[in-house]
Amino acid sequence: MRVLSLKITIALCLLLGCLAGCELSDYTSNRVPSVGGNAEIMVVMDSTKWTTETGITLRKILEEPIEGLPQQEPRFDLLYMHPKNFSGFIRKHRNIIFVTSFEDQSTAGRKMQEFYSKKSIEQIKVDPNLYMYTRENQYAKDQKMMFLYGATDKRLIDNLIKHKTKIYSFFHDVEIKRIEKTLRMDDSSKVLAKKFRKKFDIGLKVPAGYVKVKENSNFLWIGEKSPRSYQNIFMAAKPYTSESDFSVDSIVAWRRSLGRRYVNNPKRDSAFMDIQVELPIAARLMPVKDYFIVEYRGLWAWADKSKGGPFLGYAFVDERRDKIYYIEGYTYAPSEEKRDIINKIEAILRSFLPTPAQDKPKKSVTTEAKEKSS
């Protein structure tokens, strides 16, 4: 349970903070790794703000349920920390957000302002629209810190609402990049990576433990060896003939045909993968590496409803090769929380790169895709 893991994290930080003491210098702490759970953020702010509109607004942004999961799971787990307790080992947390308004002259408010640079305080006097800056590796390795602020409480709350996507995306991208760094390949997975490169002109970081499930000239399916829970990835390509190929409706129809034709159990006619179209599919345009892609999040299920779970898919066009690609990762993990699993799948999918021998692909996206994914 995540609630239990949060309590353990807090207790560990407090214990080690007492052992380490406040005398630890930033020089020393920069040599130790950051701590904290996956998708976990420590929030440092006045306790009054945490329990009122400012804190409520921040929690709505960062604890919003992730799209495309079968049950509600928050984007992040939040740890609250009072500014007077932010010292010692606690400062080593991997993700930290500081939140304050400069009109707050309470004891806690003045303490919070000590964490902010003099430059940011001076700049906001000139431009009250400024709302955020970031730092990294200040107290530990691989640490990301965000400082959110406003000249007044009202301006602070308005800033949170206006820039909520940037606030969330910053830490989400940080988490995905961290996961990507932890992906390890073995000899077998390197062979699979070469298959992706040869078949699709795309490099992909295939984790150790994956094996080939099915392959044909324009399709490759790989997955983990596990009868109960698993993560699988498949990719397909076809000629790109017109902008209509890249519409959401066309991609979804193509995806459903791939499931029926390839992702199936040939021993049972009703055992093939389909998209649960009864539930909304979340689609959005986003840049990944040198491509503009449309990301799809939703739920898959065998046609006979015997299995199901979340999926994450990317569709993108390479006009130089006149091809359209679709790559998807999906999981089957009954009775398990899915957030960390789908985040790992995202890290794998985002690792794709055009082969080094090729020229940089054109940034290809259609007006129709923009409209339908917005």
Protein backbone atom coordinates (compact mmCIF):
# COMPACT_ATOMS: atom_id res chain seq x y z
CA MET A 1 0.00 0.00 0.00
CA ARG A 2 1.27 3.47 -0.88
CA VAL A 3 0.06 4.97 2.41
CA LEU A 4 2.29 2.57 4.31
CA SER A 5 5.27 3.29 2.05
CA LEU A 6 4.84 7.02 2.66
CA LYS A 7 4.85 6.51 6.42
CA ILE A 8 8.00 4.41 6.15
CA THR A 9 9.69 7.07 3.99
CA ILE A 10 8.85 9.83 6.47
CA ALA A 11 10.03 7.78 9.43
CA LEU A 12 13.27 6.87 7.67
CA CYS A 13 13.95 10.47 6.71
CA LEU A 14 13.31 11.68 10.27
CA LEU A 15 15.51 8.96 11.77
CA LEU A 16 18.40 9.53 9.39
CA GLY A 17 17.93 13.27 9.75
CA CYS A 18 18.52 12.95 13.49
CA LEU A 19 21.58 10.78 12.89
CA ALA A 20 23.04 13.01 10.20
CA GLY A 21 22.25 16.28 11.94
CA CYS A 22 21.97 19.72 10.44
CA GLU A 23 25.71 20.24 10.37
CA LEU A 24 26.04 18.26 7.11
CA SER A 25 27.43 20.61 4.52
CA ASP A 26 26.01 20.92 1.02
CA TYR A 27 29.47 19.86 -0.23
CA THR A 28 29.15 16.53 1.56
CA SER A 29 25.50 15.99 0.68
CA ASN A 30 26.19 16.51 -3.00
CA ARG A 31 28.18 13.27 -2.90
CA VAL A 32 25.25 11.13 -1.69
CA PRO A 33 22.32 9.90 -3.80
CA SER A 34 18.87 11.35 -3.37
CA VAL A 35 16.18 9.33 -1.60
CA GLY A 36 12.46 8.81 -2.05
CA GLY A 37 9.97 6.50 -3.66
CA ASN A 38 8.85 6.37 -7.27
CA ALA A 39 6.63 9.30 -8.26
CA GLU A 40 6.98 10.80 -4.79
CA ILE A 41 7.28 14.56 -4.10
CA MET A 42 8.05 16.32 -0.83
CA VAL A 43 6.14 19.59 -0.45
CA VAL A 44 7.60 22.24 1.86
CA MET A 45 5.19 25.02 2.81
CA ASP A 46 3.43 26.74 5.68
CA SER A 47 1.03 24.30 7.36
CA THR A 48 -1.79 26.86 7.11
CA LYS A 49 -1.37 27.08 3.34
CA TRP A 50 -1.11 23.28 3.06
CA THR A 51 -4.53 22.78 4.64
CA THR A 52 -6.29 25.66 2.85
CA GLU A 53 -6.83 26.76 -0.75
CA THR A 54 -3.16 26.84 -1.80
CA GLY A 55 -2.48 23.29 -0.64
CA ILE A 56 -5.79 22.01 -1.95
CA THR A 57 -5.04 23.49 -5.39
CA LEU A 58 -1.57 21.93 -5.48
CA ARG A 59 -2.91 18.53 -4.45
CA LYS A 60 -5.55 18.65 -7.19
CA ILE A 61 -2.76 19.14 -9.73
CA LEU A 62 -0.31 16.53 -8.49
CA GLU A 63 -2.74 13.93 -7.14
CA GLU A 64 -5.07 14.00 -10.13
CA PRO A 65 -5.86 10.43 -11.25
CA ILE A 66 -3.79 9.15 -14.17
CA GLU A 67 -5.72 8.74 -17.40
CA GLY A 68 -6.19 5.29 -18.87
CA LEU A 69 -5.93 3.18 -15.72
CA PRO A 70 -8.68 0.77 -14.64
CA GLN A 71 -8.74 2.24 -11.13
CA GLN A 72 -7.96 5.70 -9.77
CA GLU A 73 -4.29 6.17 -8.96
CA PRO A 74 -2.68 9.58 -8.31
CA ARG A 75 -0.02 11.07 -10.55
CA PHE A 76 2.24 11.53 -7.52
CA ASP A 77 2.38 10.65 -3.83
CA LEU A 78 2.91 13.81 -1.78
CA LEU A 79 4.82 14.14 1.49
CA TYR A 80 4.16 17.30 3.47
CA MET A 81 7.07 18.87 5.36
CA HIS A 82 6.91 21.92 7.63
CA PRO A 83 9.70 24.40 6.79
CA LYS A 84 11.20 24.24 10.29
CA ASN A 85 11.73 20.47 9.87
CA PHE A 86 13.40 20.72 6.48
CA SER A 87 16.98 19.92 7.48
CA GLY A 88 19.54 17.13 7.64
CA PHE A 89 18.82 13.96 5.69
CA ILE A 90 15.31 15.13 4.82
CA ARG A 91 16.87 17.57 2.36
CA LYS A 92 18.10 14.62 0.28
CA HIS A 93 14.66 13.82 -1.13
CA ARG A 94 14.75 13.35 -4.89
CA ASN A 95 11.76 15.62 -5.72
CA ILE A 96 11.00 18.74 -3.66
CA ILE A 97 8.56 21.61 -4.15
CA PHE A 98 8.72 24.82 -2.11
CA VAL A 99 5.57 26.94 -2.09
CA THR A 100 5.08 30.42 -0.64
CA SER A 101 3.79 33.93 -1.21
CA PHE A 102 6.02 36.88 -0.42
CA GLU A 103 3.26 38.74 1.40
CA ASP A 104 3.23 36.02 4.11
CA GLN A 105 5.03 37.49 7.12
CA SER A 106 4.13 34.75 9.61
CA THR A 107 6.97 32.89 11.30
CA ALA A 108 6.57 29.99 8.90
CA GLY A 109 6.18 32.39 5.98
CA ARG A 110 9.45 34.16 6.76
CA LYS A 111 11.15 30.78 7.19
CA MET A 112 9.88 29.73 3.76
CA GLN A 113 11.31 32.84 2.13
CA GLU A 114 14.77 31.89 3.37
CA PHE A 115 14.72 29.01 0.87
CA TYR A 116 14.24 31.39 -2.06
CA SER A 117 17.02 33.22 -3.84
CA LYS A 118 17.29 36.97 -3.34
CA LYS A 119 17.20 37.29 -7.12
CA SER A 120 13.75 35.67 -7.36
CA ILE A 121 12.39 37.93 -4.62
CA GLU A 122 13.75 41.01 -6.37
CA GLN A 123 12.50 39.89 -9.78
CA ILE A 124 8.95 39.36 -8.61
CA LYS A 125 8.86 42.95 -7.40
CA VAL A 126 9.51 43.98 -10.99
CA ASP A 127 7.33 41.31 -12.66
CA PRO A 128 4.58 39.85 -10.45
CA ASN A 129 3.71 37.35 -13.20
CA LEU A 130 6.83 35.30 -12.43
CA TYR A 131 5.84 32.11 -10.66
CA MET A 132 8.59 29.44 -10.69
CA TYR A 133 12.23 28.48 -10.97
CA THR A 134 14.02 25.15 -10.56
CA ARG A 135 17.31 23.81 -9.22
CA GLU A 136 18.99 20.44 -9.31
CA ASN A 137 21.48 18.50 -7.20
CA GLN A 138 21.53 21.12 -4.47
CA TYR A 139 21.55 18.68 -1.54
CA ALA A 140 21.94 15.31 -3.28
CA LYS A 141 22.65 13.66 -6.60
CA ASP A 142 19.79 13.38 -9.09
CA GLN A 143 17.68 15.83 -7.09
CA LYS A 144 15.09 18.13 -8.66
CA MET A 145 13.67 21.10 -6.81
CA MET A 146 10.90 23.49 -7.85
CA PHE A 147 10.20 26.83 -6.22
CA LEU A 148 6.64 28.09 -6.69
CA TYR A 149 5.77 31.58 -5.54
CA GLY A 150 3.60 34.64 -5.93
CA ALA A 151 3.61 38.20 -4.70
CA THR A 152 0.34 37.50 -2.88
CA ASP A 153 -1.63 34.40 -1.87
CA LYS A 154 -4.14 35.08 -4.63
CA ARG A 155 -1.42 35.46 -7.24
CA LEU A 156 0.20 32.24 -6.03
CA ILE A 157 -3.04 30.27 -6.41
CA ASP A 158 -3.71 31.83 -9.82
CA ASN A 159 -0.19 30.83 -10.90
CA LEU A 160 -0.74 27.22 -9.81
CA ILE A 161 -3.97 26.98 -11.79
CA LYS A 162 -2.61 28.72 -14.89
CA HIS A 163 0.61 26.69 -15.06
CA LYS A 164 -0.62 23.35 -13.72
CA THR A 165 0.41 21.43 -16.85
CA LYS A 166 4.00 22.74 -16.68
CA ILE A 167 4.21 21.95 -12.96
CA TYR A 168 3.02 18.37 -13.43
CA SER A 169 4.96 17.76 -16.64
CA PHE A 170 8.26 18.88 -15.12
CA PHE A 171 8.22 16.17 -12.46
CA HIS A 172 6.62 13.56 -14.70
CA ASP A 173 9.36 13.95 -17.30
CA VAL A 174 11.98 13.81 -14.55
CA GLU A 175 10.54 10.50 -13.29
CA ILE A 176 10.40 8.96 -16.77
CA LYS A 177 14.02 9.93 -17.48
CA ARG A 178 15.09 8.42 -14.14
CA ILE A 179 13.35 5.16 -15.00
CA GLU A 180 14.90 5.13 -18.47
CA LYS A 181 18.37 5.36 -16.89
CA THR A 182 17.64 2.25 -14.79
CA LEU A 183 16.64 0.09 -17.76
CA ARG A 184 19.24 -2.63 -18.21
CA MET A 185 19.76 -4.73 -21.32
CA ASP A 186 21.20 -8.23 -21.61
CA ASP A 187 22.44 -10.17 -24.63
CA SER A 188 18.96 -11.39 -25.53
CA SER A 189 17.33 -7.97 -25.27
CA LYS A 190 20.13 -6.46 -27.37
CA VAL A 191 19.21 -8.94 -30.11
CA LEU A 192 15.61 -7.72 -29.93
CA ALA A 193 16.77 -4.11 -30.07
CA LYS A 194 18.64 -4.94 -33.28
CA LYS A 195 15.42 -6.39 -34.70
CA PHE A 196 13.62 -3.10 -34.08
CA ARG A 197 16.47 -1.22 -35.72
CA LYS A 198 16.55 -3.47 -38.78
CA LYS A 199 12.79 -3.70 -39.23
CA PHE A 200 11.69 -0.15 -38.40
CA ASP A 201 14.87 1.98 -38.55
CA ILE A 202 14.17 2.75 -34.90
CA GLY A 203 16.40 2.15 -31.90
CA LEU A 204 14.64 0.98 -28.73
CA LYS A 205 16.03 0.21 -25.27
CA VAL A 206 14.64 -3.29 -24.64
CA PRO A 207 14.97 -4.31 -20.96
CA ALA A 208 16.48 -7.60 -19.91
CA GLY A 209 13.94 -10.41 -19.62
CA TYR A 210 11.98 -9.63 -22.78
CA VAL A 211 11.59 -12.26 -25.50
CA LYS A 212 10.15 -12.27 -28.99
CA VAL A 213 6.50 -13.32 -29.11
CA LYS A 214 5.56 -12.80 -32.76
CA GLU A 215 7.05 -11.21 -35.87
CA ASN A 216 6.23 -10.55 -39.51
CA SER A 217 7.46 -8.10 -42.14
CA ASN A 218 5.80 -5.03 -40.62
CA PHE A 219 5.08 -6.15 -37.06
CA LEU A 220 7.10 -7.14 -34.00
CA TRP A 221 5.75 -8.19 -30.59
CA ILE A 222 7.96 -8.73 -27.55
CA GLY A 223 7.12 -9.41 -23.91
CA GLU A 224 8.13 -10.67 -20.51
CA LYS A 225 8.04 -14.33 -19.53
CA SER A 226 5.38 -14.42 -16.83
CA PRO A 227 2.10 -16.35 -16.77
CA ARG A 228 0.37 -14.17 -14.16
CA SER A 229 1.43 -10.57 -14.77
CA TYR A 230 3.50 -9.13 -17.57
CA GLN A 231 4.39 -6.16 -19.74
CA ASN A 232 4.42 -6.43 -23.52
CA ILE A 233 5.40 -4.13 -26.37
CA PHE A 234 4.53 -4.33 -30.04
CA MET A 235 5.28 -2.10 -33.00
CA ALA A 236 3.87 -1.88 -36.51
CA ALA A 237 4.51 0.18 -39.62
CA LYS A 238 2.68 0.77 -42.86
CA PRO A 239 2.90 3.13 -45.83
CA TYR A 240 1.86 6.71 -45.15
CA THR A 241 -0.53 7.77 -47.91
CA SER A 242 -2.36 10.86 -46.64
CA GLU A 243 -3.01 13.04 -43.61
CA SER A 244 -6.14 11.03 -42.86
CA ASP A 245 -3.88 8.09 -41.92
CA PHE A 246 -2.78 10.09 -38.89
CA SER A 247 -6.24 10.96 -37.59
CA VAL A 248 -7.24 9.57 -34.22
CA ASP A 249 -10.04 7.48 -35.77
CA SER A 250 -7.66 5.95 -38.31
CA ILE A 251 -5.03 5.13 -35.68
CA VAL A 252 -7.59 3.52 -33.37
CA ALA A 253 -8.99 1.46 -36.25
CA TRP A 254 -5.47 0.36 -37.21
CA ARG A 255 -4.68 -0.50 -33.61
CA ARG A 256 -7.81 -2.67 -33.34
CA SER A 257 -6.94 -4.48 -36.57
CA LEU A 258 -3.43 -5.20 -35.26
CA GLY A 259 -4.88 -6.78 -32.14
CA ARG A 260 -7.25 -8.99 -34.08
CA ARG A 261 -4.63 -10.09 -36.61
CA TYR A 262 -1.49 -10.47 -34.49
CA VAL A 263 -2.04 -10.12 -30.73
CA ASN A 264 -4.15 -13.20 -30.29
CA ASN A 265 -4.39 -16.80 -29.26
CA PRO A 266 -4.86 -18.78 -32.48
CA LYS A 267 -6.43 -21.65 -30.54
CA ARG A 268 -9.49 -19.56 -29.63
CA ASP A 269 -11.34 -17.33 -32.12
CA SER A 270 -12.49 -14.94 -29.37
CA ALA A 271 -9.02 -14.60 -27.80
CA PHE A 272 -7.59 -11.50 -29.46
CA MET A 273 -6.74 -8.09 -28.10
CA ASP A 274 -9.15 -5.22 -28.60
CA ILE A 275 -9.49 -1.68 -27.28
CA GLN A 276 -12.28 -1.04 -24.78
CA VAL A 277 -13.91 1.65 -26.92
CA GLU A 278 -16.77 1.95 -24.41
CA LEU A 279 -14.35 3.92 -22.23
CA PRO A 280 -12.79 7.18 -23.46
CA ILE A 281 -9.31 7.04 -24.96
CA ALA A 282 -7.09 9.96 -23.93
CA ALA A 283 -5.12 11.35 -26.88
CA ARG A 284 -2.67 14.24 -26.82
CA LEU A 285 0.01 15.67 -29.06
CA MET A 286 3.50 15.69 -27.58
CA PRO A 287 7.14 15.94 -28.72
CA VAL A 288 9.42 12.97 -28.03
CA LYS A 289 13.02 13.22 -29.20
CA ASP A 290 12.86 14.46 -32.83
CA TYR A 291 9.31 13.32 -33.46
CA PHE A 292 5.94 14.85 -32.86
CA ILE A 293 3.65 12.04 -31.81
CA VAL A 294 0.12 11.45 -30.64
CA GLU A 295 0.01 9.59 -27.34
CA TYR A 296 -2.90 7.28 -26.58
CA ARG A 297 -3.90 6.04 -23.13
CA GLY A 298 -6.75 3.64 -22.57
CA LEU A 299 -7.79 0.12 -21.66
CA TRP A 300 -7.38 -3.06 -23.66
CA ALA A 301 -9.18 -6.38 -23.23
CA TRP A 302 -9.38 -9.75 -24.89
CA ALA A 303 -12.52 -9.89 -26.99
CA ASP A 304 -13.86 -12.61 -24.68
CA LYS A 305 -13.20 -10.31 -21.65
CA SER A 306 -10.95 -12.91 -20.03
CA LYS A 307 -8.07 -10.42 -19.63
CA GLY A 308 -7.56 -6.69 -19.70
CA GLY A 309 -5.56 -3.74 -18.47
CA PRO A 310 -4.10 -0.34 -19.42
CA PHE A 311 -2.08 0.47 -22.52
CA LEU A 312 0.06 3.36 -23.70
CA GLY A 313 0.60 3.90 -27.42
CA TYR A 314 2.50 6.34 -29.65
CA ALA A 315 1.66 7.08 -33.28
CA PHE A 316 4.07 9.07 -35.44
CA VAL A 317 4.83 9.69 -39.10
CA ASP A 318 8.19 9.79 -40.84
CA GLU A 319 7.48 11.54 -44.10
CA ARG A 320 10.99 10.96 -45.43
CA ARG A 321 10.41 7.23 -45.31
CA ASP A 322 6.70 7.62 -46.18
CA LYS A 323 5.76 5.45 -43.22
CA ILE A 324 3.48 5.71 -40.26
CA TYR A 325 4.41 3.89 -37.06
CA TYR A 326 2.51 2.69 -34.03
CA ILE A 327 4.23 1.40 -30.91
CA GLU A 328 2.36 0.27 -27.80
CA GLY A 329 3.17 -1.04 -24.37
CA TYR A 330 0.51 -2.76 -22.30
CA THR A 331 0.34 -4.62 -19.04
CA TYR A 332 -1.65 -7.40 -17.49
CA ALA A 333 -1.31 -7.16 -13.72
CA PRO A 334 -4.49 -8.21 -11.90
CA SER A 335 -4.89 -6.92 -8.33
CA GLU A 336 -1.80 -4.71 -8.67
CA GLU A 337 -1.49 -0.95 -8.77
CA LYS A 338 -0.58 0.10 -12.30
CA ARG A 339 1.00 3.56 -12.06
CA ASP A 340 4.60 2.48 -11.66
CA ILE A 341 4.16 -0.22 -14.31
CA ILE A 342 2.75 2.16 -16.91
CA ASN A 343 5.48 4.70 -16.09
CA LYS A 344 8.10 2.03 -16.81
CA ILE A 345 6.39 1.25 -20.11
CA GLU A 346 6.46 4.95 -20.95
CA ALA A 347 10.20 5.08 -20.23
CA ILE A 348 10.77 2.17 -22.62
CA LEU A 349 8.67 3.73 -25.38
CA ARG A 350 10.33 7.12 -24.96
CA SER A 351 13.75 5.52 -25.44
CA PHE A 352 13.15 5.12 -29.15
CA LEU A 353 15.52 6.91 -31.51
CA PRO A 354 15.99 7.04 -35.27
CA THR A 355 18.93 4.91 -36.32
CA PRO A 356 22.18 6.90 -36.28
CA ALA A 357 22.92 6.14 -39.92
CA GLN A 358 19.79 7.98 -41.04
CA ASP A 359 19.17 11.69 -41.38
CA LYS A 360 17.09 13.39 -38.74
CA PRO A 361 13.38 12.73 -39.41
CA LYS A 362 11.09 15.58 -40.28
CA LYS A 363 8.75 16.82 -37.61
CA SER A 364 5.52 15.51 -38.98
CA VAL A 365 2.10 16.29 -37.60
CA THR A 366 -1.24 17.21 -39.08
CA THR A 367 -3.71 19.91 -38.24
CA GLU A 368 -6.37 17.25 -37.77
CA ALA A 369 -4.20 15.41 -35.24
CA LYS A 370 -3.61 18.64 -33.31
CA GLU A 371 -7.32 19.35 -33.13
CA LYS A 372 -8.35 15.85 -32.13
CA SER A 373 -5.62 15.40 -29.54
CA SER A 374 -6.13 18.76 -27.83
